[in-house]
Amino acid sequence: MGREVRVRRVYEPAAEEDGKRVLVDRVWPRGLSKDEARLDAWAKDVAPSTELRKWYGHEAERFPEFERRYRAELDEPERAAALGELRDLAGRGTVTLLTATKDAKRSQAAVLAALLR
């Protein structure tokens, strides 16, 4: 069986089956307290660059190009190290990657989940 890596919106209530909850956004989610988020980690170093995030703007037709550019960014040393830490965490049990994005299926969390599985 492959690793269990889930993707959810950080605004959804935490669930028992989430395992380790990791926020993968660079910016803290609006209107959410640290207590409400119930995070085990905030991996902001693995998030896409501000430039890439702004270019993408969560426009669905741009997702394939966003994914290509983001995967290239993940080769940069700081992001590669953060990705390695996530990979280690996923190797020890269920991990849920959290994002504030409305369309979690077309987000950096989805790209990361595919890489970690």
PDB file of N, CA and C in Angstrom:
ATOM      1  N   MET A   1       0.845  -1.191   0.000  1.00  0.00           N
ATOM      2  CA  MET A   1       0.000   0.000   0.000  1.00  0.00           C
ATOM      3  C   MET A   1       0.884   1.246   0.000  1.00  0.00           C
ATOM      4  N   GLY A   2       0.498   2.248  -0.777  1.00  0.00           N
ATOM      5  CA  GLY A   2       1.244   3.498  -0.832  1.00  0.00           C
ATOM      6  C   GLY A   2       1.043   4.302   0.438  1.00  0.00           C
ATOM      7  N   ARG A   3       1.776   5.365   0.524  1.00  0.00           N
ATOM      8  CA  ARG A   3       1.633   6.231   1.700  1.00  0.00           C
ATOM      9  C   ARG A   3       0.254   6.871   1.688  1.00  0.00           C
ATOM     10  N   GLU A   4      -0.287   7.084   2.848  1.00  0.00           N
ATOM     11  CA  GLU A   4      -1.567   7.776   2.954  1.00  0.00           C
ATOM     12  C   GLU A   4      -1.278   9.260   3.111  1.00  0.00           C
ATOM     13  N   VAL A   5      -1.484   9.988   2.026  1.00  0.00           N
ATOM     14  CA  VAL A   5      -1.297  11.433   2.036  1.00  0.00           C
ATOM     15  C   VAL A   5      -2.604  12.046   1.571  1.00  0.00           C
ATOM     16  N   ARG A   6      -3.212  12.809   2.438  1.00  0.00           N
ATOM     17  CA  ARG A   6      -4.518  13.412   2.155  1.00  0.00           C
ATOM     18  C   ARG A   6      -4.345  14.907   1.879  1.00  0.00           C
ATOM     19  N   VAL A   7      -5.337  15.471   1.219  1.00  0.00           N
ATOM     20  CA  VAL A   7      -5.368  16.912   0.957  1.00  0.00           C
ATOM     21  C   VAL A   7      -6.721  17.426   1.425  1.00  0.00           C
ATOM     22  N   ARG A   8      -6.689  18.463   2.259  1.00  0.00           N
ATOM     23  CA  ARG A   8      -7.933  19.055   2.761  1.00  0.00           C
ATOM     24  C   ARG A   8      -7.766  20.554   2.885  1.00  0.00           C
ATOM     25  N   ARG A   9      -8.899  21.222   2.978  1.00  0.00           N
ATOM     26  CA  ARG A   9      -8.854  22.648   3.278  1.00  0.00           C
ATOM     27  C   ARG A   9      -8.642  22.804   4.780  1.00  0.00           C
ATOM     28  N   VAL A  10      -7.828  23.770   5.147  1.00  0.00           N
ATOM     29  CA  VAL A  10      -7.511  23.992   6.560  1.00  0.00           C
ATOM     30  C   VAL A  10      -8.749  24.445   7.343  1.00  0.00           C
ATOM     31  N   TYR A  11      -9.748  24.967   6.637  1.00  0.00           N
ATOM     32  CA  TYR A  11     -10.967  25.442   7.302  1.00  0.00           C
ATOM     33  C   TYR A  11     -11.917  24.301   7.672  1.00  0.00           C
ATOM     34  N   GLU A  12     -11.702  23.103   7.109  1.00  0.00           N
ATOM     35  CA  GLU A  12     -12.535  21.954   7.472  1.00  0.00           C
ATOM     36  C   GLU A  12     -12.132  21.490   8.877  1.00  0.00           C
ATOM     37  N   PRO A  13     -13.100  20.992   9.660  1.00  0.00           N
ATOM     38  CA  PRO A  13     -12.749  20.518  11.007  1.00  0.00           C
ATOM     39  C   PRO A  13     -11.724  19.373  10.946  1.00  0.00           C
ATOM     40  N   ALA A  14     -10.833  19.357  11.911  1.00  0.00           N
ATOM     41  CA  ALA A  14      -9.841  18.278  12.005  1.00  0.00           C
ATOM     42  C   ALA A  14     -10.572  16.959  12.232  1.00  0.00           C
ATOM     43  N   ALA A  15     -10.013  15.893  11.656  1.00  0.00           N
ATOM     44  CA  ALA A  15     -10.616  14.565  11.804  1.00  0.00           C
ATOM     45  C   ALA A  15      -9.579  13.609  12.378  1.00  0.00           C
ATOM     46  N   GLU A  16     -10.052  12.616  13.090  1.00  0.00           N
ATOM     47  CA  GLU A  16      -9.187  11.610  13.709  1.00  0.00           C
ATOM     48  C   GLU A  16      -8.235  10.980  12.687  1.00  0.00           C
ATOM     49  N   GLU A  17      -8.767  10.689  11.486  1.00  0.00           N
ATOM     50  CA  GLU A  17      -7.981   9.999  10.461  1.00  0.00           C
ATOM     51  C   GLU A  17      -6.999  10.902   9.715  1.00  0.00           C
ATOM     52  N   ASP A  18      -6.917  12.175  10.077  1.00  0.00           N
ATOM     53  CA  ASP A  18      -5.980  13.096   9.412  1.00  0.00           C
ATOM     54  C   ASP A  18      -4.520  12.725   9.661  1.00  0.00           C
ATOM     55  N   GLY A  19      -4.224  12.079  10.768  1.00  0.00           N
ATOM     56  CA  GLY A  19      -2.825  11.832  11.117  1.00  0.00           C
ATOM     57  C   GLY A  19      -2.147  13.165  11.406  1.00  0.00           C
ATOM     58  N   LYS A  20      -0.933  13.339  10.905  1.00  0.00           N
ATOM     59  CA  LYS A  20      -0.217  14.608  11.104  1.00  0.00           C
ATOM     60  C   LYS A  20      -0.798  15.649  10.157  1.00  0.00           C
ATOM     61  N   ARG A  21      -1.163  16.797  10.694  1.00  0.00           N
ATOM     62  CA  ARG A  21      -1.755  17.885   9.903  1.00  0.00           C
ATOM     63  C   ARG A  21      -0.690  18.945   9.619  1.00  0.00           C
ATOM     64  N   VAL A  22      -0.438  19.187   8.328  1.00  0.00           N
ATOM     65  CA  VAL A  22       0.637  20.097   7.923  1.00  0.00           C
ATOM     66  C   VAL A  22       0.089  21.153   6.964  1.00  0.00           C
ATOM     67  N   LEU A  23       0.187  22.407   7.366  1.00  0.00           N
ATOM     68  CA  LEU A  23      -0.201  23.525   6.491  1.00  0.00           C
ATOM     69  C   LEU A  23       0.922  23.748   5.484  1.00  0.00           C
ATOM     70  N   VAL A  24       0.581  23.788   4.186  1.00  0.00           N
ATOM     71  CA  VAL A  24       1.599  23.953   3.141  1.00  0.00           C
ATOM     72  C   VAL A  24       1.430  25.280   2.386  1.00  0.00           C
ATOM     73  N   ASP A  25       0.795  26.251   3.018  1.00  0.00           N
ATOM     74  CA  ASP A  25       0.668  27.601   2.459  1.00  0.00           C
ATOM     75  C   ASP A  25       1.760  28.475   3.050  1.00  0.00           C
ATOM     76  N   ARG A  26       2.229  29.468   2.283  1.00  0.00           N
ATOM     77  CA  ARG A  26       3.231  30.406   2.790  1.00  0.00           C
ATOM     78  C   ARG A  26       2.608  31.420   3.746  1.00  0.00           C
ATOM     79  N   VAL A  27       1.346  31.770   3.486  1.00  0.00           N
ATOM     80  CA  VAL A  27       0.652  32.802   4.257  1.00  0.00           C
ATOM     81  C   VAL A  27      -0.361  32.127   5.188  1.00  0.00           C
ATOM     82  N   TRP A  28      -0.446  32.621   6.438  1.00  0.00           N
ATOM     83  CA  TRP A  28      -1.396  32.053   7.390  1.00  0.00           C
ATOM     84  C   TRP A  28      -2.829  32.292   6.891  1.00  0.00           C
ATOM     85  N   PRO A  29      -3.727  31.286   7.009  1.00  0.00           N
ATOM     86  CA  PRO A  29      -5.113  31.421   6.525  1.00  0.00           C
ATOM     87  C   PRO A  29      -5.881  32.522   7.254  1.00  0.00           C
ATOM     88  N   ARG A  30      -6.588  33.316   6.489  1.00  0.00           N
ATOM     89  CA  ARG A  30      -7.375  34.419   7.058  1.00  0.00           C
ATOM     90  C   ARG A  30      -8.438  33.911   8.009  1.00  0.00           C
ATOM     91  N   GLY A  31      -8.573  34.619   9.123  1.00  0.00           N
ATOM     92  CA  GLY A  31      -9.669  34.362  10.045  1.00  0.00           C
ATOM     93  C   GLY A  31      -9.584  33.052  10.816  1.00  0.00           C
ATOM     94  N   LEU A  32      -8.421  32.429  10.832  1.00  0.00           N
ATOM     95  CA  LEU A  32      -8.270  31.137  11.502  1.00  0.00           C
ATOM     96  C   LEU A  32      -7.262  31.279  12.636  1.00  0.00           C
ATOM     97  N   SER A  33      -7.663  30.841  13.828  1.00  0.00           N
ATOM     98  CA  SER A  33      -6.719  30.896  14.950  1.00  0.00           C
ATOM     99  C   SER A  33      -5.820  29.664  14.917  1.00  0.00           C
ATOM    100  N   LYS A  34      -4.697  29.751  15.598  1.00  0.00           N
ATOM    101  CA  LYS A  34      -3.780  28.606  15.674  1.00  0.00           C
ATOM    102  C   LYS A  34      -4.479  27.409  16.334  1.00  0.00           C
ATOM    103  N   ASP A  35      -5.318  27.671  17.342  1.00  0.00           N
ATOM    104  CA  ASP A  35      -6.054  26.584  18.008  1.00  0.00           C
ATOM    105  C   ASP A  35      -7.022  25.900  17.053  1.00  0.00           C
ATOM    106  N   GLU A  36      -7.768  26.687  16.272  1.00  0.00           N
ATOM    107  CA  GLU A  36      -8.743  26.121  15.330  1.00  0.00           C
ATOM    108  C   GLU A  36      -8.053  25.266  14.261  1.00  0.00           C
ATOM    109  N   ALA A  37      -6.870  25.672  13.838  1.00  0.00           N
ATOM    110  CA  ALA A  37      -6.170  24.975  12.754  1.00  0.00           C
ATOM    111  C   ALA A  37      -5.714  23.573  13.173  1.00  0.00           C
ATOM    112  N   ARG A  38      -5.407  23.413  14.450  1.00  0.00           N
ATOM    113  CA  ARG A  38      -4.942  22.113  14.978  1.00  0.00           C
ATOM    114  C   ARG A  38      -3.834  21.505  14.119  1.00  0.00           C
ATOM    115  N   LEU A  39      -2.782  22.287  13.918  1.00  0.00           N
ATOM    116  CA  LEU A  39      -1.660  21.857  13.077  1.00  0.00           C
ATOM    117  C   LEU A  39      -0.611  21.112  13.880  1.00  0.00           C
ATOM    118  N   ASP A  40       0.061  20.184  13.205  1.00  0.00           N
ATOM    119  CA  ASP A  40       1.255  19.568  13.761  1.00  0.00           C
ATOM    120  C   ASP A  40       2.496  20.276  13.230  1.00  0.00           C
ATOM    121  N   ALA A  41       2.354  20.897  12.052  1.00  0.00           N
ATOM    122  CA  ALA A  41       3.488  21.605  11.448  1.00  0.00           C
ATOM    123  C   ALA A  41       2.973  22.612  10.431  1.00  0.00           C
ATOM    124  N   TRP A  42       3.799  23.638  10.190  1.00  0.00           N
ATOM    125  CA  TRP A  42       3.521  24.618   9.146  1.00  0.00           C
ATOM    126  C   TRP A  42       4.747  24.621   8.248  1.00  0.00           C
ATOM    127  N   ALA A  43       4.621  24.001   7.086  1.00  0.00           N
ATOM    128  CA  ALA A  43       5.756  23.841   6.164  1.00  0.00           C
ATOM    129  C   ALA A  43       5.744  24.943   5.116  1.00  0.00           C
ATOM    130  N   LYS A  44       5.922  26.193   5.568  1.00  0.00           N
ATOM    131  CA  LYS A  44       5.831  27.299   4.614  1.00  0.00           C
ATOM    132  C   LYS A  44       6.985  27.306   3.617  1.00  0.00           C
ATOM    133  N   ASP A  45       8.121  26.671   3.962  1.00  0.00           N
ATOM    134  CA  ASP A  45       9.264  26.642   3.042  1.00  0.00           C
ATOM    135  C   ASP A  45       9.022  25.774   1.812  1.00  0.00           C
ATOM    136  N   VAL A  46       7.983  24.932   1.858  1.00  0.00           N
ATOM    137  CA  VAL A  46       7.686  24.076   0.706  1.00  0.00           C
ATOM    138  C   VAL A  46       6.671  24.752  -0.233  1.00  0.00           C
ATOM    139  N   ALA A  47       6.109  25.855   0.192  1.00  0.00           N
ATOM    140  CA  ALA A  47       5.078  26.544  -0.602  1.00  0.00           C
ATOM    141  C   ALA A  47       5.675  27.159  -1.874  1.00  0.00           C
ATOM    142  N   PRO A  48       4.825  27.368  -2.887  1.00  0.00           N
ATOM    143  CA  PRO A  48       5.318  28.016  -4.108  1.00  0.00           C
ATOM    144  C   PRO A  48       5.731  29.462  -3.833  1.00  0.00           C
ATOM    145  N   SER A  49       6.583  29.979  -4.695  1.00  0.00           N
ATOM    146  CA  SER A  49       7.022  31.367  -4.558  1.00  0.00           C
ATOM    147  C   SER A  49       5.815  32.304  -4.681  1.00  0.00           C
ATOM    148  N   THR A  50       5.950  33.479  -4.101  1.00  0.00           N
ATOM    149  CA  THR A  50       4.899  34.487  -4.193  1.00  0.00           C
ATOM    150  C   THR A  50       4.615  34.813  -5.659  1.00  0.00           C
ATOM    151  N   GLU A  51       5.675  34.910  -6.466  1.00  0.00           N
ATOM    152  CA  GLU A  51       5.507  35.233  -7.891  1.00  0.00           C
ATOM    153  C   GLU A  51       4.667  34.167  -8.593  1.00  0.00           C
ATOM    154  N   LEU A  52       4.983  32.894  -8.334  1.00  0.00           N
ATOM    155  CA  LEU A  52       4.248  31.807  -8.974  1.00  0.00           C
ATOM    156  C   LEU A  52       2.809  31.778  -8.485  1.00  0.00           C
ATOM    157  N   ARG A  53       2.613  31.964  -7.200  1.00  0.00           N
ATOM    158  CA  ARG A  53       1.267  31.944  -6.622  1.00  0.00           C
ATOM    159  C   ARG A  53       0.401  33.046  -7.242  1.00  0.00           C
ATOM    160  N   LYS A  54       0.988  34.245  -7.372  1.00  0.00           N
ATOM    161  CA  LYS A  54       0.230  35.363  -7.950  1.00  0.00           C
ATOM    162  C   LYS A  54      -0.055  35.127  -9.430  1.00  0.00           C
ATOM    163  N   TRP A  55       0.920  34.575 -10.165  1.00  0.00           N
ATOM    164  CA  TRP A  55       0.713  34.297 -11.586  1.00  0.00           C
ATOM    165  C   TRP A  55      -0.433  33.294 -11.757  1.00  0.00           C
ATOM    166  N   TYR A  56      -0.429  32.240 -10.951  1.00  0.00           N
ATOM    167  CA  TYR A  56      -1.439  31.185 -11.054  1.00  0.00           C
ATOM    168  C   TYR A  56      -2.827  31.738 -10.753  1.00  0.00           C
ATOM    169  N   GLY A  57      -2.974  32.454  -9.654  1.00  0.00           N
ATOM    170  CA  GLY A  57      -4.251  33.044  -9.286  1.00  0.00           C
ATOM    171  C   GLY A  57      -5.395  32.041  -9.192  1.00  0.00           C
ATOM    172  N   HIS A  58      -5.084  30.771  -9.039  1.00  0.00           N
ATOM    173  CA  HIS A  58      -6.067  29.691  -8.924  1.00  0.00           C
ATOM    174  C   HIS A  58      -7.016  29.642 -10.112  1.00  0.00           C
ATOM    175  N   GLU A  59      -6.480  29.962 -11.290  1.00  0.00           N
ATOM    176  CA  GLU A  59      -7.256  29.830 -12.524  1.00  0.00           C
ATOM    177  C   GLU A  59      -7.038  28.409 -13.034  1.00  0.00           C
ATOM    178  N   ALA A  60      -8.123  27.644 -13.068  1.00  0.00           N
ATOM    179  CA  ALA A  60      -8.051  26.205 -13.356  1.00  0.00           C
ATOM    180  C   ALA A  60      -7.267  25.891 -14.631  1.00  0.00           C
ATOM    181  N   GLU A  61      -7.433  26.693 -15.667  1.00  0.00           N
ATOM    182  CA  GLU A  61      -6.745  26.405 -16.934  1.00  0.00           C
ATOM    183  C   GLU A  61      -5.233  26.589 -16.821  1.00  0.00           C
ATOM    184  N   ARG A  62      -4.778  27.293 -15.809  1.00  0.00           N
ATOM    185  CA  ARG A  62      -3.338  27.483 -15.605  1.00  0.00           C
ATOM    186  C   ARG A  62      -2.713  26.386 -14.747  1.00  0.00           C
ATOM    187  N   PHE A  63      -3.532  25.483 -14.195  1.00  0.00           N
ATOM    188  CA  PHE A  63      -2.989  24.497 -13.259  1.00  0.00           C
ATOM    189  C   PHE A  63      -1.878  23.631 -13.843  1.00  0.00           C
ATOM    190  N   PRO A  64      -2.017  23.083 -15.064  1.00  0.00           N
ATOM    191  CA  PRO A  64      -0.918  22.247 -15.576  1.00  0.00           C
ATOM    192  C   PRO A  64       0.429  23.003 -15.631  1.00  0.00           C
ATOM    193  N   GLU A  65       0.396  24.245 -16.044  1.00  0.00           N
ATOM    194  CA  GLU A  65       1.634  25.037 -16.102  1.00  0.00           C
ATOM    195  C   GLU A  65       2.105  25.398 -14.687  1.00  0.00           C
ATOM    196  N   PHE A  66       1.157  25.697 -13.797  1.00  0.00           N
ATOM    197  CA  PHE A  66       1.503  25.944 -12.398  1.00  0.00           C
ATOM    198  C   PHE A  66       2.215  24.728 -11.830  1.00  0.00           C
ATOM    199  N   GLU A  67       1.671  23.532 -12.065  1.00  0.00           N
ATOM    200  CA  GLU A  67       2.267  22.308 -11.530  1.00  0.00           C
ATOM    201  C   GLU A  67       3.687  22.127 -12.064  1.00  0.00           C
ATOM    202  N   ARG A  68       3.881  22.362 -13.365  1.00  0.00           N
ATOM    203  CA  ARG A  68       5.212  22.216 -13.969  1.00  0.00           C
ATOM    204  C   ARG A  68       6.210  23.180 -13.316  1.00  0.00           C
ATOM    205  N   ARG A  69       5.805  24.444 -13.195  1.00  0.00           N
ATOM    206  CA  ARG A  69       6.699  25.459 -12.604  1.00  0.00           C
ATOM    207  C   ARG A  69       6.960  25.184 -11.124  1.00  0.00           C
ATOM    208  N   TYR A  70       5.924  24.751 -10.420  1.00  0.00           N
ATOM    209  CA  TYR A  70       6.072  24.473  -8.994  1.00  0.00           C
ATOM    210  C   TYR A  70       7.009  23.289  -8.760  1.00  0.00           C
ATOM    211  N   ARG A  71       6.866  22.231  -9.560  1.00  0.00           N
ATOM    212  CA  ARG A  71       7.779  21.089  -9.430  1.00  0.00           C
ATOM    213  C   ARG A  71       9.225  21.526  -9.664  1.00  0.00           C
ATOM    214  N   ALA A  72       9.434  22.456 -10.587  1.00  0.00           N
ATOM    215  CA  ALA A  72      10.786  22.983 -10.827  1.00  0.00           C
ATOM    216  C   ALA A  72      11.274  23.751  -9.593  1.00  0.00           C
ATOM    217  N   GLU A  73      10.394  24.545  -8.977  1.00  0.00           N
ATOM    218  CA  GLU A  73      10.772  25.274  -7.763  1.00  0.00           C
ATOM    219  C   GLU A  73      11.149  24.317  -6.627  1.00  0.00           C
ATOM    220  N   LEU A  74      10.518  23.160  -6.592  1.00  0.00           N
ATOM    221  CA  LEU A  74      10.789  22.200  -5.513  1.00  0.00           C
ATOM    222  C   LEU A  74      12.199  21.610  -5.593  1.00  0.00           C
ATOM    223  N   ASP A  75      12.908  21.863  -6.695  1.00  0.00           N
ATOM    224  CA  ASP A  75      14.314  21.439  -6.808  1.00  0.00           C
ATOM    225  C   ASP A  75      15.256  22.423  -6.129  1.00  0.00           C
ATOM    226  N   GLU A  76      14.765  23.632  -5.803  1.00  0.00           N
ATOM    227  CA  GLU A  76      15.606  24.631  -5.129  1.00  0.00           C
ATOM    228  C   GLU A  76      15.934  24.111  -3.726  1.00  0.00           C
ATOM    229  N   PRO A  77      17.161  24.364  -3.250  1.00  0.00           N
ATOM    230  CA  PRO A  77      17.622  23.753  -1.986  1.00  0.00           C
ATOM    231  C   PRO A  77      16.673  23.904  -0.791  1.00  0.00           C
ATOM    232  N   GLU A  78      16.178  25.108  -0.535  1.00  0.00           N
ATOM    233  CA  GLU A  78      15.323  25.330   0.637  1.00  0.00           C
ATOM    234  C   GLU A  78      14.027  24.522   0.520  1.00  0.00           C
ATOM    235  N   ARG A  79      13.403  24.569  -0.653  1.00  0.00           N
ATOM    236  CA  ARG A  79      12.158  23.821  -0.854  1.00  0.00           C
ATOM    237  C   ARG A  79      12.422  22.316  -0.876  1.00  0.00           C
ATOM    238  N   ALA A  80      13.525  21.903  -1.482  1.00  0.00           N
ATOM    239  CA  ALA A  80      13.863  20.473  -1.536  1.00  0.00           C
ATOM    240  C   ALA A  80      14.043  19.918  -0.125  1.00  0.00           C
ATOM    241  N   ALA A  81      14.673  20.693   0.756  1.00  0.00           N
ATOM    242  CA  ALA A  81      14.863  20.272   2.149  1.00  0.00           C
ATOM    243  C   ALA A  81      13.509  20.139   2.851  1.00  0.00           C
ATOM    244  N   ALA A  82      12.622  21.114   2.635  1.00  0.00           N
ATOM    245  CA  ALA A  82      11.292  21.077   3.252  1.00  0.00           C
ATOM    246  C   ALA A  82      10.488  19.887   2.715  1.00  0.00           C
ATOM    247  N   LEU A  83      10.621  19.601   1.413  1.00  0.00           N
ATOM    248  CA  LEU A  83       9.949  18.451   0.824  1.00  0.00           C
ATOM    249  C   LEU A  83      10.483  17.149   1.429  1.00  0.00           C
ATOM    250  N   GLY A  84      11.783  17.094   1.661  1.00  0.00           N
ATOM    251  CA  GLY A  84      12.390  15.926   2.297  1.00  0.00           C
ATOM    252  C   GLY A  84      11.833  15.682   3.689  1.00  0.00           C
ATOM    253  N   GLU A  85      11.625  16.767   4.446  1.00  0.00           N
ATOM    254  CA  GLU A  85      11.038  16.637   5.784  1.00  0.00           C
ATOM    255  C   GLU A  85       9.611  16.094   5.702  1.00  0.00           C
ATOM    256  N   LEU A  86       8.841  16.584   4.716  1.00  0.00           N
ATOM    257  CA  LEU A  86       7.479  16.072   4.521  1.00  0.00           C
ATOM    258  C   LEU A  86       7.508  14.596   4.140  1.00  0.00           C
ATOM    259  N   ARG A  87       8.458  14.228   3.291  1.00  0.00           N
ATOM    260  CA  ARG A  87       8.587  12.829   2.850  1.00  0.00           C
ATOM    261  C   ARG A  87       8.885  11.934   4.061  1.00  0.00           C
ATOM    262  N   ASP A  88       9.778  12.395   4.949  1.00  0.00           N
ATOM    263  CA  ASP A  88      10.096  11.639   6.169  1.00  0.00           C
ATOM    264  C   ASP A  88       8.844  11.466   7.041  1.00  0.00           C
ATOM    265  N   LEU A  89       8.100  12.552   7.199  1.00  0.00           N
ATOM    266  CA  LEU A  89       6.888  12.522   8.012  1.00  0.00           C
ATOM    267  C   LEU A  89       5.878  11.535   7.415  1.00  0.00           C
ATOM    268  N   ALA A  90       5.699  11.579   6.096  1.00  0.00           N
ATOM    269  CA  ALA A  90       4.754  10.687   5.414  1.00  0.00           C
ATOM    270  C   ALA A  90       5.198   9.226   5.529  1.00  0.00           C
ATOM    271  N   GLY A  91       6.496   9.011   5.643  1.00  0.00           N
ATOM    272  CA  GLY A  91       7.004   7.656   5.792  1.00  0.00           C
ATOM    273  C   GLY A  91       6.669   7.036   7.139  1.00  0.00           C
ATOM    274  N   ARG A  92       6.275   7.879   8.091  1.00  0.00           N
ATOM    275  CA  ARG A  92       5.973   7.399   9.443  1.00  0.00           C
ATOM    276  C   ARG A  92       4.477   7.239   9.709  1.00  0.00           C
ATOM    277  N   GLY A  93       3.640   7.608   8.744  1.00  0.00           N
ATOM    278  CA  GLY A  93       2.195   7.476   8.962  1.00  0.00           C
ATOM    279  C   GLY A  93       1.404   8.459   8.123  1.00  0.00           C
ATOM    280  N   THR A  94       0.112   8.476   8.355  1.00  0.00           N
ATOM    281  CA  THR A  94      -0.795   9.333   7.591  1.00  0.00           C
ATOM    282  C   THR A  94      -0.448  10.810   7.782  1.00  0.00           C
ATOM    283  N   VAL A  95      -0.467  11.534   6.668  1.00  0.00           N
ATOM    284  CA  VAL A  95      -0.235  12.978   6.681  1.00  0.00           C
ATOM    285  C   VAL A  95      -1.363  13.638   5.895  1.00  0.00           C
ATOM    286  N   THR A  96      -1.889  14.725   6.430  1.00  0.00           N
ATOM    287  CA  THR A  96      -2.881  15.521   5.714  1.00  0.00           C
ATOM    288  C   THR A  96      -2.269  16.885   5.425  1.00  0.00           C
ATOM    289  N   LEU A  97      -2.158  17.193   4.124  1.00  0.00           N
ATOM    290  CA  LEU A  97      -1.630  18.488   3.684  1.00  0.00           C
ATOM    291  C   LEU A  97      -2.796  19.465   3.615  1.00  0.00           C
ATOM    292  N   LEU A  98      -2.633  20.584   4.283  1.00  0.00           N
ATOM    293  CA  LEU A  98      -3.720  21.552   4.413  1.00  0.00           C
ATOM    294  C   LEU A  98      -3.410  22.829   3.647  1.00  0.00           C
ATOM    295  N   THR A  99      -4.450  23.378   3.039  1.00  0.00           N
ATOM    296  CA  THR A  99      -4.330  24.638   2.314  1.00  0.00           C
ATOM    297  C   THR A  99      -5.600  25.451   2.519  1.00  0.00           C
ATOM    298  N   ALA A 100      -5.477  26.762   2.445  1.00  0.00           N
ATOM    299  CA  ALA A 100      -6.650  27.631   2.554  1.00  0.00           C
ATOM    300  C   ALA A 100      -7.351  27.774   1.206  1.00  0.00           C
ATOM    301  N   THR A 101      -6.707  27.320   0.145  1.00  0.00           N
ATOM    302  CA  THR A 101      -7.241  27.435  -1.205  1.00  0.00           C
ATOM    303  C   THR A 101      -8.623  26.809  -1.321  1.00  0.00           C
ATOM    304  N   LYS A 102      -9.529  27.474  -2.043  1.00  0.00           N
ATOM    305  CA  LYS A 102     -10.883  26.934  -2.222  1.00  0.00           C
ATOM    306  C   LYS A 102     -10.869  25.632  -3.014  1.00  0.00           C
ATOM    307  N   ASP A 103     -10.022  25.541  -4.035  1.00  0.00           N
ATOM    308  CA  ASP A 103      -9.952  24.350  -4.888  1.00  0.00           C
ATOM    309  C   ASP A 103      -8.701  23.547  -4.521  1.00  0.00           C
ATOM    310  N   ALA A 104      -8.815  22.764  -3.456  1.00  0.00           N
ATOM    311  CA  ALA A 104      -7.652  22.026  -2.948  1.00  0.00           C
ATOM    312  C   ALA A 104      -7.119  21.014  -3.959  1.00  0.00           C
ATOM    313  N   LYS A 105      -7.987  20.537  -4.874  1.00  0.00           N
ATOM    314  CA  LYS A 105      -7.554  19.555  -5.878  1.00  0.00           C
ATOM    315  C   LYS A 105      -6.622  20.166  -6.927  1.00  0.00           C
ATOM    316  N   ARG A 106      -6.644  21.486  -7.049  1.00  0.00           N
ATOM    317  CA  ARG A 106      -5.748  22.186  -7.978  1.00  0.00           C
ATOM    318  C   ARG A 106      -4.922  23.206  -7.191  1.00  0.00           C
ATOM    319  N   SER A 107      -4.145  22.676  -6.262  1.00  0.00           N
ATOM    320  CA  SER A 107      -3.342  23.529  -5.396  1.00  0.00           C
ATOM    321  C   SER A 107      -1.961  22.911  -5.215  1.00  0.00           C
ATOM    322  N   GLN A 108      -1.079  23.653  -4.549  1.00  0.00           N
ATOM    323  CA  GLN A 108       0.246  23.088  -4.254  1.00  0.00           C
ATOM    324  C   GLN A 108       0.113  21.857  -3.366  1.00  0.00           C
ATOM    325  N   ALA A 109      -0.921  21.808  -2.528  1.00  0.00           N
ATOM    326  CA  ALA A 109      -1.121  20.635  -1.662  1.00  0.00           C
ATOM    327  C   ALA A 109      -1.345  19.385  -2.507  1.00  0.00           C
ATOM    328  N   ALA A 110      -2.103  19.510  -3.596  1.00  0.00           N
ATOM    329  CA  ALA A 110      -2.357  18.359  -4.474  1.00  0.00           C
ATOM    330  C   ALA A 110      -1.074  17.929  -5.181  1.00  0.00           C
ATOM    331  N   VAL A 111      -0.269  18.894  -5.619  1.00  0.00           N
ATOM    332  CA  VAL A 111       1.003  18.575  -6.284  1.00  0.00           C
ATOM    333  C   VAL A 111       1.923  17.848  -5.293  1.00  0.00           C
ATOM    334  N   LEU A 112       2.008  18.366  -4.073  1.00  0.00           N
ATOM    335  CA  LEU A 112       2.855  17.744  -3.050  1.00  0.00           C
ATOM    336  C   LEU A 112       2.371  16.336  -2.714  1.00  0.00           C
ATOM    337  N   ALA A 113       1.065  16.164  -2.586  1.00  0.00           N
ATOM    338  CA  ALA A 113       0.514  14.847  -2.247  1.00  0.00           C
ATOM    339  C   ALA A 113       0.904  13.827  -3.320  1.00  0.00           C
ATOM    340  N   ALA A 114       0.816  14.233  -4.586  1.00  0.00           N
ATOM    341  CA  ALA A 114       1.177  13.321  -5.671  1.00  0.00           C
ATOM    342  C   ALA A 114       2.666  12.941  -5.590  1.00  0.00           C
ATOM    343  N   LEU A 115       3.506  13.887  -5.235  1.00  0.00           N
ATOM    344  CA  LEU A 115       4.944  13.612  -5.096  1.00  0.00           C
ATOM    345  C   LEU A 115       5.246  12.711  -3.903  1.00  0.00           C
ATOM    346  N   LEU A 116       4.479  12.848  -2.838  1.00  0.00           N
ATOM    347  CA  LEU A 116       4.744  12.096  -1.608  1.00  0.00           C
ATOM    348  C   LEU A 116       4.178  10.674  -1.651  1.00  0.00           C
ATOM    349  N   ARG A 117       3.188  10.458  -2.484  1.00  0.00           N
ATOM    350  CA  ARG A 117       2.541   9.133  -2.506  1.00  0.00           C
ATOM    351  C   ARG A 117       3.454   8.155  -3.115  1.00  0.00           C
TER     352      ARG A 117
END
